[in-house]
Amino acid sequence: MLGLIIRVDQSIVLWISHLVGQSSVLDRVMILLASDYFLPVSISLVLLCLWFSGGSFKERDRNQKACVCSAITIGIAMGFVLVANSIWRHPHPFQDMPQLLDPVTNRIFYPIHDPSFPSNSSCLTFAAAAGVWHFNRKWGYMMLLPAVLMPLAKVYAAVYYPSDIIGGIIVGILTSYFVAKIFMPLLHVPVEVGVWFLRTLRLG
């Protein structure tokens, strides 16, 4: 089964890698989307806008809980990724297929050195989107766009396999469910106090 997944992963990455260099416009877009800064900062700005949005106290309270859930989910999910990476050092596509390094990876991104499974990019973006979704469906669906685009760009750059991306997505979504349905209800009082304190500082 593992051998089949590896073969499928490599076939998909090799097929996508043939697109690199065919269009300078597509390459430039993928360079931007794969950046460690552009979409993560964009997601942070979206969360900031969500924190201050809402036409009523009830709506603002819901949106602020969505931001809290998203932030906690990101923290816990990335912790899971760190633990998984320390246990199993799964190679990146450009390591398994060195012929992709110069014409693909170096052209779009750069050869990162941390283990590839699960993908920290897809874990981060889906943790953020799923955390918001539990409290605000509309904003959660909006955040799915960057959640999909950044990991896709990393596959385009031969930095991650599709299975690495799927692994990160699963970690992000499952962690968001745990945070929204178990963690936050259990810590309802501290969360309420924390949000109230920020409001008293005119930060909410």
C-alpha atoms as a PDB file:
ATOM      1  CA  MET A   1       0.000   0.000   0.000  1.00  0.00           C
ATOM      2  CA  LEU A   2       2.793   2.415   0.950  1.00  0.00           C
ATOM      3  CA  GLY A   3       4.620   1.579  -2.276  1.00  0.00           C
ATOM      4  CA  LEU A   4       1.498   2.410  -4.290  1.00  0.00           C
ATOM      5  CA  ILE A   5       1.095   5.764  -2.529  1.00  0.00           C
ATOM      6  CA  ILE A   6       4.758   6.612  -3.228  1.00  0.00           C
ATOM      7  CA  ARG A   7       4.385   5.741  -6.922  1.00  0.00           C
ATOM      8  CA  VAL A   8       1.192   7.788  -7.260  1.00  0.00           C
ATOM      9  CA  ASP A   9       2.797  10.716  -5.398  1.00  0.00           C
ATOM     10  CA  GLN A  10       5.851  10.705  -7.635  1.00  0.00           C
ATOM     11  CA  SER A  11       3.763  10.387 -10.796  1.00  0.00           C
ATOM     12  CA  ILE A  12       1.641  13.406  -9.862  1.00  0.00           C
ATOM     13  CA  VAL A  13       4.661  15.541  -8.944  1.00  0.00           C
ATOM     14  CA  LEU A  14       6.479  14.588 -12.150  1.00  0.00           C
ATOM     15  CA  TRP A  15       3.402  15.424 -14.235  1.00  0.00           C
ATOM     16  CA  ILE A  16       2.936  18.808 -12.548  1.00  0.00           C
ATOM     17  CA  SER A  17       6.651  19.600 -12.755  1.00  0.00           C
ATOM     18  CA  HIS A  18       6.388  19.636 -16.565  1.00  0.00           C
ATOM     19  CA  LEU A  19       4.278  22.800 -16.237  1.00  0.00           C
ATOM     20  CA  VAL A  20       7.147  24.706 -14.635  1.00  0.00           C
ATOM     21  CA  GLY A  21       8.818  26.977 -17.159  1.00  0.00           C
ATOM     22  CA  GLN A  22       5.978  26.709 -19.672  1.00  0.00           C
ATOM     23  CA  SER A  23       4.400  29.999 -18.597  1.00  0.00           C
ATOM     24  CA  SER A  24       6.263  32.831 -16.913  1.00  0.00           C
ATOM     25  CA  VAL A  25       2.946  34.214 -15.613  1.00  0.00           C
ATOM     26  CA  LEU A  26       1.983  30.906 -13.984  1.00  0.00           C
ATOM     27  CA  ASP A  27       5.472  30.565 -12.499  1.00  0.00           C
ATOM     28  CA  ARG A  28       5.309  34.066 -11.006  1.00  0.00           C
ATOM     29  CA  VAL A  29       1.905  33.362  -9.488  1.00  0.00           C
ATOM     30  CA  MET A  30       3.140  30.093  -7.980  1.00  0.00           C
ATOM     31  CA  ILE A  31       6.254  31.801  -6.589  1.00  0.00           C
ATOM     32  CA  LEU A  32       3.964  34.266  -4.793  1.00  0.00           C
ATOM     33  CA  LEU A  33       1.564  31.592  -3.524  1.00  0.00           C
ATOM     34  CA  ALA A  34       4.367  29.299  -2.341  1.00  0.00           C
ATOM     35  CA  SER A  35       5.997  32.104  -0.348  1.00  0.00           C
ATOM     36  CA  ASP A  36       6.295  31.545   3.396  1.00  0.00           C
ATOM     37  CA  TYR A  37       5.063  35.111   3.934  1.00  0.00           C
ATOM     38  CA  PHE A  38       2.385  36.160   1.414  1.00  0.00           C
ATOM     39  CA  LEU A  39      -0.523  33.838   2.271  1.00  0.00           C
ATOM     40  CA  PRO A  40       0.296  33.366   5.988  1.00  0.00           C
ATOM     41  CA  VAL A  41       0.354  37.153   6.425  1.00  0.00           C
ATOM     42  CA  SER A  42      -2.826  37.436   4.333  1.00  0.00           C
ATOM     43  CA  ILE A  43      -4.550  34.894   6.589  1.00  0.00           C
ATOM     44  CA  SER A  44      -3.431  36.865   9.648  1.00  0.00           C
ATOM     45  CA  LEU A  45      -4.900  40.049   8.166  1.00  0.00           C
ATOM     46  CA  VAL A  46      -8.170  38.244   7.408  1.00  0.00           C
ATOM     47  CA  LEU A  47      -8.358  37.094  11.037  1.00  0.00           C
ATOM     48  CA  LEU A  48      -7.656  40.664  12.171  1.00  0.00           C
ATOM     49  CA  CYS A  49     -10.518  41.962   9.999  1.00  0.00           C
ATOM     50  CA  LEU A  50     -12.813  39.223  11.290  1.00  0.00           C
ATOM     51  CA  TRP A  51     -11.958  40.119  14.900  1.00  0.00           C
ATOM     52  CA  PHE A  52     -13.260  43.661  14.450  1.00  0.00           C
ATOM     53  CA  SER A  53     -16.194  42.811  12.154  1.00  0.00           C
ATOM     54  CA  GLY A  54     -19.845  42.410  13.083  1.00  0.00           C
ATOM     55  CA  GLY A  55     -22.838  44.714  13.248  1.00  0.00           C
ATOM     56  CA  SER A  56     -24.004  43.603  16.687  1.00  0.00           C
ATOM     57  CA  PHE A  57     -22.437  42.451  19.939  1.00  0.00           C
ATOM     58  CA  LYS A  58     -23.618  38.875  19.310  1.00  0.00           C
ATOM     59  CA  GLU A  59     -22.057  38.829  15.845  1.00  0.00           C
ATOM     60  CA  ARG A  60     -18.782  40.357  17.026  1.00  0.00           C
ATOM     61  CA  ASP A  61     -18.640  37.868  19.901  1.00  0.00           C
ATOM     62  CA  ARG A  62     -19.086  34.980  17.475  1.00  0.00           C
ATOM     63  CA  ASN A  63     -16.404  36.351  15.145  1.00  0.00           C
ATOM     64  CA  GLN A  64     -13.954  36.851  17.987  1.00  0.00           C
ATOM     65  CA  LYS A  65     -14.551  33.306  19.199  1.00  0.00           C
ATOM     66  CA  ALA A  66     -13.817  32.175  15.629  1.00  0.00           C
ATOM     67  CA  CYS A  67     -10.471  34.003  15.725  1.00  0.00           C
ATOM     68  CA  VAL A  68      -9.612  32.506  19.110  1.00  0.00           C
ATOM     69  CA  CYS A  69     -10.508  29.023  17.880  1.00  0.00           C
ATOM     70  CA  SER A  70      -8.424  29.518  14.736  1.00  0.00           C
ATOM     71  CA  ALA A  71      -5.382  30.757  16.672  1.00  0.00           C
ATOM     72  CA  ILE A  72      -5.509  27.904  19.200  1.00  0.00           C
ATOM     73  CA  THR A  73      -6.034  25.376  16.406  1.00  0.00           C
ATOM     74  CA  ILE A  74      -2.987  26.652  14.519  1.00  0.00           C
ATOM     75  CA  GLY A  75      -0.821  26.420  17.634  1.00  0.00           C
ATOM     76  CA  ILE A  76      -1.878  22.888  18.571  1.00  0.00           C
ATOM     77  CA  ALA A  77      -1.861  21.578  14.986  1.00  0.00           C
ATOM     78  CA  MET A  78       1.634  22.887  14.308  1.00  0.00           C
ATOM     79  CA  GLY A  79       2.719  21.225  17.548  1.00  0.00           C
ATOM     80  CA  PHE A  80       1.409  17.902  16.193  1.00  0.00           C
ATOM     81  CA  VAL A  81       3.368  18.474  12.971  1.00  0.00           C
ATOM     82  CA  LEU A  82       6.537  19.160  14.957  1.00  0.00           C
ATOM     83  CA  VAL A  83       6.116  15.919  16.906  1.00  0.00           C
ATOM     84  CA  ALA A  84       5.370  13.914  13.750  1.00  0.00           C
ATOM     85  CA  ASN A  85       8.420  15.395  12.001  1.00  0.00           C
ATOM     86  CA  SER A  86      10.649  14.436  14.905  1.00  0.00           C
ATOM     87  CA  ILE A  87       9.420  10.830  14.731  1.00  0.00           C
ATOM     88  CA  TRP A  88       9.509  10.282  10.964  1.00  0.00           C
ATOM     89  CA  ARG A  89      11.724  12.180   8.530  1.00  0.00           C
ATOM     90  CA  HIS A  90       9.870  11.747   5.249  1.00  0.00           C
ATOM     91  CA  PRO A  91      11.848  13.045   2.217  1.00  0.00           C
ATOM     92  CA  HIS A  92      10.660  15.805  -0.108  1.00  0.00           C
ATOM     93  CA  PRO A  93      10.054  15.172  -3.824  1.00  0.00           C
ATOM     94  CA  PHE A  94      13.222  17.053  -4.812  1.00  0.00           C
ATOM     95  CA  GLN A  95      15.189  14.743  -2.500  1.00  0.00           C
ATOM     96  CA  ASP A  96      13.680  11.569  -3.976  1.00  0.00           C
ATOM     97  CA  MET A  97      13.987  12.965  -7.510  1.00  0.00           C
ATOM     98  CA  PRO A  98      17.100  15.228  -7.587  1.00  0.00           C
ATOM     99  CA  GLN A  99      16.515  15.979 -11.275  1.00  0.00           C
ATOM    100  CA  LEU A 100      13.697  18.319 -10.154  1.00  0.00           C
ATOM    101  CA  LEU A 101      15.868  20.437  -7.847  1.00  0.00           C
ATOM    102  CA  ASP A 102      17.312  23.032 -10.242  1.00  0.00           C
ATOM    103  CA  PRO A 103      14.648  23.303 -12.956  1.00  0.00           C
ATOM    104  CA  VAL A 104      11.664  23.169 -10.581  1.00  0.00           C
ATOM    105  CA  THR A 105      12.251  23.678  -6.841  1.00  0.00           C
ATOM    106  CA  ASN A 106      14.944  26.355  -7.082  1.00  0.00           C
ATOM    107  CA  ARG A 107      12.931  28.147  -9.763  1.00  0.00           C
ATOM    108  CA  ILE A 108       9.719  28.412  -7.696  1.00  0.00           C
ATOM    109  CA  PHE A 109      10.681  28.044  -4.019  1.00  0.00           C
ATOM    110  CA  TYR A 110      13.764  26.671  -2.273  1.00  0.00           C
ATOM    111  CA  PRO A 111      14.841  23.244  -0.954  1.00  0.00           C
ATOM    112  CA  ILE A 112      13.550  23.195   2.615  1.00  0.00           C
ATOM    113  CA  HIS A 113      15.150  20.801   5.092  1.00  0.00           C
ATOM    114  CA  ASP A 114      12.416  19.876   7.575  1.00  0.00           C
ATOM    115  CA  PRO A 115      10.551  16.568   6.979  1.00  0.00           C
ATOM    116  CA  SER A 116       7.712  16.762   4.487  1.00  0.00           C
ATOM    117  CA  PHE A 117       4.983  14.661   6.154  1.00  0.00           C
ATOM    118  CA  PRO A 118       2.634  16.059   7.221  1.00  0.00           C
ATOM    119  CA  SER A 119       2.953  19.320   5.285  1.00  0.00           C
ATOM    120  CA  ASN A 120       3.186  22.245   7.690  1.00  0.00           C
ATOM    121  CA  SER A 121       1.826  24.565   4.970  1.00  0.00           C
ATOM    122  CA  SER A 122      -1.449  22.700   4.495  1.00  0.00           C
ATOM    123  CA  CYS A 123      -1.735  22.118   8.234  1.00  0.00           C
ATOM    124  CA  LEU A 124      -1.374  25.847   8.926  1.00  0.00           C
ATOM    125  CA  THR A 125      -3.799  27.051   6.259  1.00  0.00           C
ATOM    126  CA  PHE A 126      -6.494  24.441   6.899  1.00  0.00           C
ATOM    127  CA  ALA A 127      -6.193  24.817  10.686  1.00  0.00           C
ATOM    128  CA  ALA A 128      -6.849  28.547  10.256  1.00  0.00           C
ATOM    129  CA  ALA A 129      -9.796  28.060   7.892  1.00  0.00           C
ATOM    130  CA  ALA A 130     -11.384  25.166   9.790  1.00  0.00           C
ATOM    131  CA  GLY A 131     -11.024  26.956  13.127  1.00  0.00           C
ATOM    132  CA  VAL A 132     -12.989  29.917  11.764  1.00  0.00           C
ATOM    133  CA  TRP A 133     -15.540  27.673  10.001  1.00  0.00           C
ATOM    134  CA  HIS A 134     -16.828  26.205  13.266  1.00  0.00           C
ATOM    135  CA  PHE A 135     -18.064  29.662  14.312  1.00  0.00           C
ATOM    136  CA  ASN A 136     -18.559  31.503  11.019  1.00  0.00           C
ATOM    137  CA  ARG A 137     -19.314  29.410   7.945  1.00  0.00           C
ATOM    138  CA  LYS A 138     -19.081  32.320   5.473  1.00  0.00           C
ATOM    139  CA  TRP A 139     -15.599  33.459   6.531  1.00  0.00           C
ATOM    140  CA  GLY A 140     -14.471  29.848   6.916  1.00  0.00           C
ATOM    141  CA  TYR A 141     -15.378  29.076   3.306  1.00  0.00           C
ATOM    142  CA  MET A 142     -13.645  32.287   2.174  1.00  0.00           C
ATOM    143  CA  MET A 143     -10.445  31.170   3.886  1.00  0.00           C
ATOM    144  CA  LEU A 144     -10.525  27.856   2.022  1.00  0.00           C
ATOM    145  CA  LEU A 145      -9.118  29.608  -1.053  1.00  0.00           C
ATOM    146  CA  PRO A 146      -5.700  30.449   0.462  1.00  0.00           C
ATOM    147  CA  ALA A 147      -5.859  27.154   2.366  1.00  0.00           C
ATOM    148  CA  VAL A 148      -5.864  25.298  -0.961  1.00  0.00           C
ATOM    149  CA  LEU A 149      -3.615  27.592  -3.010  1.00  0.00           C
ATOM    150  CA  MET A 150      -0.514  27.586  -0.807  1.00  0.00           C
ATOM    151  CA  PRO A 151      -0.165  23.767  -0.566  1.00  0.00           C
ATOM    152  CA  LEU A 152      -0.934  23.467  -4.274  1.00  0.00           C
ATOM    153  CA  ALA A 153       1.920  25.853  -5.054  1.00  0.00           C
ATOM    154  CA  LYS A 154       4.254  23.770  -2.883  1.00  0.00           C
ATOM    155  CA  VAL A 155       3.365  20.646  -4.907  1.00  0.00           C
ATOM    156  CA  TYR A 156       4.005  22.661  -8.084  1.00  0.00           C
ATOM    157  CA  ALA A 157       7.455  23.492  -6.699  1.00  0.00           C
ATOM    158  CA  ALA A 158       8.150  19.795  -5.955  1.00  0.00           C
ATOM    159  CA  VAL A 159       8.504  20.627  -2.269  1.00  0.00           C
ATOM    160  CA  TYR A 160       5.635  18.403  -1.065  1.00  0.00           C
ATOM    161  CA  TYR A 161       3.903  15.270  -2.278  1.00  0.00           C
ATOM    162  CA  PRO A 162       0.079  15.233  -2.507  1.00  0.00           C
ATOM    163  CA  SER A 163       0.006  12.757   0.420  1.00  0.00           C
ATOM    164  CA  ASP A 164       2.015  15.255   2.516  1.00  0.00           C
ATOM    165  CA  ILE A 165      -0.640  17.872   1.776  1.00  0.00           C
ATOM    166  CA  ILE A 166      -3.493  15.499   2.613  1.00  0.00           C
ATOM    167  CA  GLY A 167      -1.790  14.576   5.883  1.00  0.00           C
ATOM    168  CA  GLY A 168      -1.515  18.252   6.853  1.00  0.00           C
ATOM    169  CA  ILE A 169      -5.157  18.867   5.925  1.00  0.00           C
ATOM    170  CA  ILE A 170      -6.322  15.982   8.112  1.00  0.00           C
ATOM    171  CA  VAL A 171      -4.264  17.211  11.085  1.00  0.00           C
ATOM    172  CA  GLY A 172      -5.571  20.776  10.691  1.00  0.00           C
ATOM    173  CA  ILE A 173      -9.236  19.788  10.366  1.00  0.00           C
ATOM    174  CA  LEU A 174      -9.225  17.210  13.170  1.00  0.00           C
ATOM    175  CA  THR A 175      -7.442  19.625  15.495  1.00  0.00           C
ATOM    176  CA  SER A 176     -10.023  22.335  14.735  1.00  0.00           C
ATOM    177  CA  TYR A 177     -12.823  19.925  15.677  1.00  0.00           C
ATOM    178  CA  PHE A 178     -11.104  19.084  18.961  1.00  0.00           C
ATOM    179  CA  VAL A 179     -10.549  22.763  19.783  1.00  0.00           C
ATOM    180  CA  ALA A 180     -14.057  23.929  18.807  1.00  0.00           C
ATOM    181  CA  LYS A 181     -16.049  21.048  20.296  1.00  0.00           C
ATOM    182  CA  ILE A 182     -13.986  19.987  23.312  1.00  0.00           C
ATOM    183  CA  PHE A 183     -11.155  22.361  24.235  1.00  0.00           C
ATOM    184  CA  MET A 184     -13.016  25.693  24.096  1.00  0.00           C
ATOM    185  CA  PRO A 185     -16.180  24.433  25.847  1.00  0.00           C
ATOM    186  CA  LEU A 186     -14.025  23.010  28.642  1.00  0.00           C
ATOM    187  CA  LEU A 187     -12.155  26.315  28.966  1.00  0.00           C
ATOM    188  CA  HIS A 188     -15.239  28.446  28.405  1.00  0.00           C
ATOM    189  CA  VAL A 189     -14.603  30.738  31.379  1.00  0.00           C
ATOM    190  CA  PRO A 190     -10.913  31.532  30.636  1.00  0.00           C
ATOM    191  CA  VAL A 191     -11.793  32.185  26.981  1.00  0.00           C
ATOM    192  CA  GLU A 192     -14.620  34.531  27.957  1.00  0.00           C
ATOM    193  CA  VAL A 193     -12.383  36.353  30.434  1.00  0.00           C
ATOM    194  CA  GLY A 194      -9.598  36.699  27.868  1.00  0.00           C
ATOM    195  CA  VAL A 195     -11.932  38.124  25.211  1.00  0.00           C
ATOM    196  CA  TRP A 196     -13.527  40.466  27.780  1.00  0.00           C
ATOM    197  CA  PHE A 197     -10.077  41.727  28.829  1.00  0.00           C
ATOM    198  CA  LEU A 198      -9.161  42.529  25.230  1.00  0.00           C
ATOM    199  CA  ARG A 199     -12.437  44.394  24.826  1.00  0.00           C
ATOM    200  CA  THR A 200     -11.707  46.505  27.898  1.00  0.00           C
ATOM    201  CA  LEU A 201      -8.436  47.509  26.203  1.00  0.00           C
ATOM    202  CA  ARG A 202     -10.496  48.544  23.151  1.00  0.00           C
ATOM    203  CA  LEU A 203      -8.985  45.665  21.191  1.00  0.00           C
ATOM    204  CA  GLY A 204     -12.276  44.019  20.401  1.00  0.00           C
END
